Amino acid sequence: MPKITSLSTHQPTYKLDQEEIERFTKSLFKNRFPNLERLLTVFKNGEIQTRHFCVPLDWHEKDHSFEERNNLYIELATQYGVKAIEKCLQNSTYLSKPVSTEEI
């Protein structure tokens, strides 16, 4: 019977603190949402200290087509998925020995 014997994660490249993300969100959406301040309470209530992003913040300031965003998602999700899987197969916290991809 199949079972999960290890796990892992991968953190995207860009790490930012929650306060910086809140400021950026305010500047990015200030003219789009009339109740933005009320909506932003989620930043304080979530008790999240840092967030990780796949692209630098300034990438979000520019317009990108659906195709461009989708292609970037596919590319990075694939890369990050492979990295997480590789780390999972080597995770000595859960595994007595590394697992090769051929064994799966």
N, C-alpha and C. Protein backbone atom coordinates (compact mmCIF):
# COMPACT_ATOMS: atom_id res chain seq x y z
N MET A 1 0.83 -1.18 0.00
CA MET A 1 0.00 0.00 0.00
C MET A 1 0.89 1.25 0.00
N PRO A 2 0.64 2.18 -0.90
CA PRO A 2 1.45 3.41 -0.94
C PRO A 2 1.31 4.22 0.35
N LYS A 3 2.37 4.90 0.71
CA LYS A 3 2.32 5.76 1.89
C LYS A 3 3.33 6.89 1.73
N ILE A 4 3.10 7.95 2.45
CA ILE A 4 4.02 9.09 2.46
C ILE A 4 5.08 8.82 3.53
N THR A 5 6.34 8.84 3.14
CA THR A 5 7.42 8.56 4.09
C THR A 5 8.34 9.75 4.30
N SER A 6 8.17 10.81 3.53
CA SER A 6 9.01 11.98 3.67
C SER A 6 8.25 13.19 3.13
N LEU A 7 8.70 14.35 3.51
CA LEU A 7 8.14 15.58 2.97
C LEU A 7 9.20 16.66 2.95
N SER A 8 8.89 17.69 2.18
CA SER A 8 9.83 18.80 2.05
C SER A 8 9.11 19.99 1.45
N THR A 9 9.77 21.12 1.47
CA THR A 9 9.24 22.33 0.86
C THR A 9 10.37 23.02 0.10
N HIS A 10 10.00 24.02 -0.65
CA HIS A 10 11.00 24.87 -1.30
C HIS A 10 10.54 26.32 -1.17
N GLN A 11 11.42 27.17 -0.70
CA GLN A 11 11.09 28.58 -0.55
C GLN A 11 11.51 29.34 -1.80
N PRO A 12 10.59 30.09 -2.41
CA PRO A 12 10.97 30.93 -3.54
C PRO A 12 12.04 31.94 -3.16
N THR A 13 12.68 32.51 -4.14
CA THR A 13 13.86 33.34 -3.99
C THR A 13 13.67 34.60 -3.16
N TYR A 14 12.57 35.30 -3.36
CA TYR A 14 12.41 36.63 -2.78
C TYR A 14 11.67 36.58 -1.46
N LYS A 15 12.36 36.94 -0.38
CA LYS A 15 11.79 36.91 0.97
C LYS A 15 11.60 38.35 1.43
N LEU A 16 10.38 38.68 1.82
CA LEU A 16 10.06 40.04 2.24
C LEU A 16 9.28 40.01 3.54
N ASP A 17 9.47 41.05 4.36
CA ASP A 17 8.71 41.07 5.60
C ASP A 17 7.29 41.58 5.34
N GLN A 18 6.41 41.21 6.23
CA GLN A 18 4.99 41.49 6.07
C GLN A 18 4.70 42.98 5.96
N GLU A 19 5.41 43.80 6.71
CA GLU A 19 5.18 45.25 6.66
C GLU A 19 5.51 45.81 5.27
N GLU A 20 6.57 45.31 4.66
CA GLU A 20 6.93 45.76 3.31
C GLU A 20 5.85 45.35 2.31
N ILE A 21 5.33 44.15 2.45
CA ILE A 21 4.27 43.68 1.56
C ILE A 21 3.01 44.51 1.75
N GLU A 22 2.70 44.85 2.97
CA GLU A 22 1.52 45.68 3.23
C GLU A 22 1.67 47.05 2.57
N ARG A 23 2.82 47.68 2.71
CA ARG A 23 3.07 48.98 2.07
C ARG A 23 2.95 48.86 0.55
N PHE A 24 3.54 47.83 0.01
CA PHE A 24 3.49 47.62 -1.44
C PHE A 24 2.04 47.42 -1.91
N THR A 25 1.29 46.62 -1.17
CA THR A 25 -0.10 46.35 -1.53
C THR A 25 -0.92 47.65 -1.50
N LYS A 26 -0.68 48.47 -0.49
CA LYS A 26 -1.39 49.76 -0.41
C LYS A 26 -1.08 50.61 -1.63
N SER A 27 0.17 50.70 -2.00
CA SER A 27 0.52 51.54 -3.14
C SER A 27 0.00 50.96 -4.46
N LEU A 28 -0.03 49.67 -4.57
CA LEU A 28 -0.46 49.02 -5.81
C LEU A 28 -1.97 49.09 -6.01
N PHE A 29 -2.74 48.98 -4.93
CA PHE A 29 -4.20 48.88 -5.04
C PHE A 29 -4.97 50.06 -4.48
N LYS A 30 -4.30 51.14 -4.09
CA LYS A 30 -4.98 52.26 -3.43
C LYS A 30 -6.12 52.86 -4.25
N ASN A 31 -6.02 52.85 -5.56
CA ASN A 31 -7.07 53.43 -6.40
C ASN A 31 -8.06 52.40 -6.94
N ARG A 32 -7.91 51.16 -6.54
CA ARG A 32 -8.78 50.11 -7.07
C ARG A 32 -9.84 49.64 -6.07
N PHE A 33 -9.55 49.78 -4.79
CA PHE A 33 -10.47 49.28 -3.77
C PHE A 33 -10.79 50.39 -2.77
N PRO A 34 -12.06 50.80 -2.69
CA PRO A 34 -12.42 51.89 -1.78
C PRO A 34 -12.23 51.54 -0.30
N ASN A 35 -12.36 50.29 0.06
CA ASN A 35 -12.22 49.87 1.46
C ASN A 35 -10.89 49.14 1.70
N LEU A 36 -9.87 49.58 1.04
CA LEU A 36 -8.59 48.88 1.10
C LEU A 36 -8.06 48.76 2.53
N GLU A 37 -8.13 49.83 3.31
CA GLU A 37 -7.61 49.77 4.69
C GLU A 37 -8.30 48.67 5.50
N ARG A 38 -9.60 48.54 5.32
CA ARG A 38 -10.33 47.49 6.04
C ARG A 38 -9.89 46.11 5.56
N LEU A 39 -9.67 45.97 4.27
CA LEU A 39 -9.24 44.68 3.72
C LEU A 39 -7.83 44.32 4.18
N LEU A 40 -7.01 45.32 4.39
CA LEU A 40 -5.61 45.05 4.76
C LEU A 40 -5.44 44.60 6.21
N THR A 41 -6.51 44.59 6.99
CA THR A 41 -6.38 44.07 8.35
C THR A 41 -5.94 42.61 8.35
N VAL A 42 -6.13 41.94 7.22
CA VAL A 42 -5.69 40.55 7.10
C VAL A 42 -4.18 40.44 7.33
N PHE A 43 -3.42 41.49 6.98
CA PHE A 43 -1.97 41.46 7.19
C PHE A 43 -1.63 41.40 8.68
N LYS A 44 -2.37 42.11 9.49
CA LYS A 44 -2.11 42.10 10.94
C LYS A 44 -2.72 40.87 11.61
N ASN A 45 -3.92 40.51 11.19
CA ASN A 45 -4.62 39.39 11.81
C ASN A 45 -4.02 38.03 11.46
N GLY A 46 -3.34 37.95 10.35
CA GLY A 46 -2.75 36.68 9.93
C GLY A 46 -1.51 36.28 10.70
N GLU A 47 -0.91 37.23 11.40
CA GLU A 47 0.29 37.01 12.20
C GLU A 47 1.43 36.39 11.40
N ILE A 48 1.49 36.72 10.12
CA ILE A 48 2.57 36.26 9.25
C ILE A 48 3.70 37.28 9.30
N GLN A 49 4.91 36.84 9.50
CA GLN A 49 6.05 37.74 9.61
C GLN A 49 6.74 37.99 8.27
N THR A 50 6.90 36.94 7.49
CA THR A 50 7.58 37.06 6.20
C THR A 50 6.80 36.29 5.13
N ARG A 51 7.02 36.70 3.89
CA ARG A 51 6.40 36.02 2.75
C ARG A 51 7.49 35.80 1.70
N HIS A 52 7.29 34.78 0.92
CA HIS A 52 8.23 34.44 -0.15
C HIS A 52 7.54 34.61 -1.50
N PHE A 53 8.28 35.19 -2.43
CA PHE A 53 7.76 35.45 -3.77
C PHE A 53 8.68 34.83 -4.81
N CYS A 54 8.10 34.48 -5.94
CA CYS A 54 8.85 33.88 -7.03
C CYS A 54 9.50 34.93 -7.92
N VAL A 55 8.99 36.13 -7.87
CA VAL A 55 9.50 37.23 -8.69
C VAL A 55 9.70 38.45 -7.78
N PRO A 56 10.55 39.38 -8.18
CA PRO A 56 10.71 40.59 -7.36
C PRO A 56 9.42 41.40 -7.34
N LEU A 57 9.22 42.18 -6.30
CA LEU A 57 8.00 42.96 -6.16
C LEU A 57 7.72 43.86 -7.36
N ASP A 58 8.75 44.46 -7.91
CA ASP A 58 8.51 45.39 -9.01
C ASP A 58 7.92 44.69 -10.24
N TRP A 59 8.04 43.38 -10.33
CA TRP A 59 7.41 42.64 -11.42
C TRP A 59 5.89 42.85 -11.39
N HIS A 60 5.32 42.96 -10.19
CA HIS A 60 3.87 43.11 -10.03
C HIS A 60 3.38 44.50 -10.40
N GLU A 61 4.28 45.45 -10.51
CA GLU A 61 3.89 46.81 -10.85
C GLU A 61 3.63 46.98 -12.35
N LYS A 62 4.08 46.06 -13.13
CA LYS A 62 3.94 46.14 -14.59
C LYS A 62 2.79 45.24 -15.05
N ASP A 63 2.20 45.60 -16.18
CA ASP A 63 1.16 44.76 -16.76
C ASP A 63 1.80 43.55 -17.44
N HIS A 64 1.17 42.41 -17.25
CA HIS A 64 1.62 41.17 -17.88
C HIS A 64 0.40 40.47 -18.44
N SER A 65 0.54 39.94 -19.62
CA SER A 65 -0.57 39.22 -20.24
C SER A 65 -0.84 37.93 -19.47
N PHE A 66 -2.04 37.39 -19.67
CA PHE A 66 -2.37 36.11 -19.07
C PHE A 66 -1.38 35.05 -19.50
N GLU A 67 -1.04 35.05 -20.78
CA GLU A 67 -0.10 34.07 -21.31
C GLU A 67 1.27 34.17 -20.62
N GLU A 68 1.75 35.40 -20.45
CA GLU A 68 3.04 35.60 -19.79
C GLU A 68 2.99 35.12 -18.34
N ARG A 69 1.95 35.48 -17.61
CA ARG A 69 1.82 35.05 -16.21
C ARG A 69 1.70 33.54 -16.12
N ASN A 70 0.92 32.96 -17.01
CA ASN A 70 0.71 31.51 -17.01
C ASN A 70 2.00 30.76 -17.34
N ASN A 71 2.73 31.23 -18.34
CA ASN A 71 4.00 30.59 -18.70
C ASN A 71 5.01 30.68 -17.57
N LEU A 72 5.06 31.82 -16.90
CA LEU A 72 5.96 31.98 -15.75
C LEU A 72 5.57 31.03 -14.63
N TYR A 73 4.27 30.91 -14.38
CA TYR A 73 3.79 29.99 -13.36
C TYR A 73 4.23 28.56 -13.67
N ILE A 74 3.99 28.13 -14.89
CA ILE A 74 4.36 26.76 -15.29
C ILE A 74 5.86 26.53 -15.12
N GLU A 75 6.66 27.49 -15.59
CA GLU A 75 8.11 27.36 -15.50
C GLU A 75 8.57 27.27 -14.05
N LEU A 76 8.13 28.20 -13.21
CA LEU A 76 8.60 28.22 -11.82
C LEU A 76 7.99 27.11 -10.98
N ALA A 77 6.73 26.78 -11.20
CA ALA A 77 6.13 25.69 -10.45
C ALA A 77 6.84 24.38 -10.73
N THR A 78 7.23 24.19 -11.97
CA THR A 78 7.98 22.98 -12.34
C THR A 78 9.35 22.97 -11.68
N GLN A 79 10.08 24.08 -11.76
CA GLN A 79 11.40 24.16 -11.14
C GLN A 79 11.32 23.93 -9.64
N TYR A 80 10.40 24.63 -8.99
CA TYR A 80 10.28 24.54 -7.53
C TYR A 80 9.78 23.16 -7.10
N GLY A 81 8.89 22.58 -7.91
CA GLY A 81 8.41 21.23 -7.60
C GLY A 81 9.54 20.22 -7.63
N VAL A 82 10.39 20.32 -8.64
CA VAL A 82 11.54 19.41 -8.75
C VAL A 82 12.47 19.59 -7.55
N LYS A 83 12.74 20.83 -7.17
CA LYS A 83 13.62 21.08 -6.02
C LYS A 83 13.02 20.50 -4.73
N ALA A 84 11.72 20.68 -4.53
CA ALA A 84 11.08 20.14 -3.33
C ALA A 84 11.12 18.62 -3.32
N ILE A 85 10.90 18.01 -4.47
CA ILE A 85 10.95 16.54 -4.57
C ILE A 85 12.36 16.04 -4.29
N GLU A 86 13.37 16.69 -4.87
CA GLU A 86 14.75 16.27 -4.63
C GLU A 86 15.09 16.35 -3.15
N LYS A 87 14.68 17.42 -2.49
CA LYS A 87 14.94 17.55 -1.06
C LYS A 87 14.17 16.50 -0.26
N CYS A 88 12.95 16.21 -0.68
CA CYS A 88 12.14 15.21 -0.02
C CYS A 88 12.79 13.83 -0.07
N LEU A 89 13.37 13.51 -1.21
CA LEU A 89 13.99 12.20 -1.39
C LEU A 89 15.31 12.07 -0.64
N GLN A 90 15.83 13.18 -0.16
CA GLN A 90 17.09 13.17 0.59
C GLN A 90 16.89 13.51 2.07
N ASN A 91 15.66 13.66 2.52
CA ASN A 91 15.35 14.18 3.85
C ASN A 91 15.68 13.18 4.96
N SER A 92 16.80 13.39 5.62
CA SER A 92 17.26 12.45 6.66
C SER A 92 16.40 12.52 7.93
N THR A 93 15.58 13.52 8.07
CA THR A 93 14.67 13.58 9.22
C THR A 93 13.65 12.45 9.14
N TYR A 94 13.23 12.10 7.94
CA TYR A 94 12.20 11.09 7.76
C TYR A 94 12.70 9.79 7.15
N LEU A 95 13.83 9.85 6.49
CA LEU A 95 14.32 8.68 5.76
C LEU A 95 15.59 8.13 6.39
N SER A 96 15.70 6.81 6.49
CA SER A 96 16.93 6.21 6.99
C SER A 96 18.03 6.24 5.93
N LYS A 97 17.62 6.29 4.65
CA LYS A 97 18.56 6.45 3.55
C LYS A 97 17.85 7.18 2.41
N PRO A 98 18.60 7.88 1.58
CA PRO A 98 17.98 8.59 0.46
C PRO A 98 17.22 7.62 -0.45
N VAL A 99 16.21 8.16 -1.11
CA VAL A 99 15.41 7.38 -2.06
C VAL A 99 15.71 7.88 -3.46
N SER A 100 16.00 6.95 -4.36
CA SER A 100 16.26 7.36 -5.75
C SER A 100 14.93 7.49 -6.48
N THR A 101 14.92 8.30 -7.51
CA THR A 101 13.69 8.48 -8.29
C THR A 101 13.26 7.17 -8.96
N GLU A 102 14.19 6.30 -9.21
CA GLU A 102 13.87 5.01 -9.84
C GLU A 102 13.03 4.13 -8.90
N GLU A 103 13.15 4.36 -7.59
CA GLU A 103 12.41 3.55 -6.63
C GLU A 103 10.94 3.93 -6.52
N ILE A 104 10.58 5.05 -7.09
CA ILE A 104 9.20 5.54 -6.93
C ILE A 104 8.34 4.97 -8.04
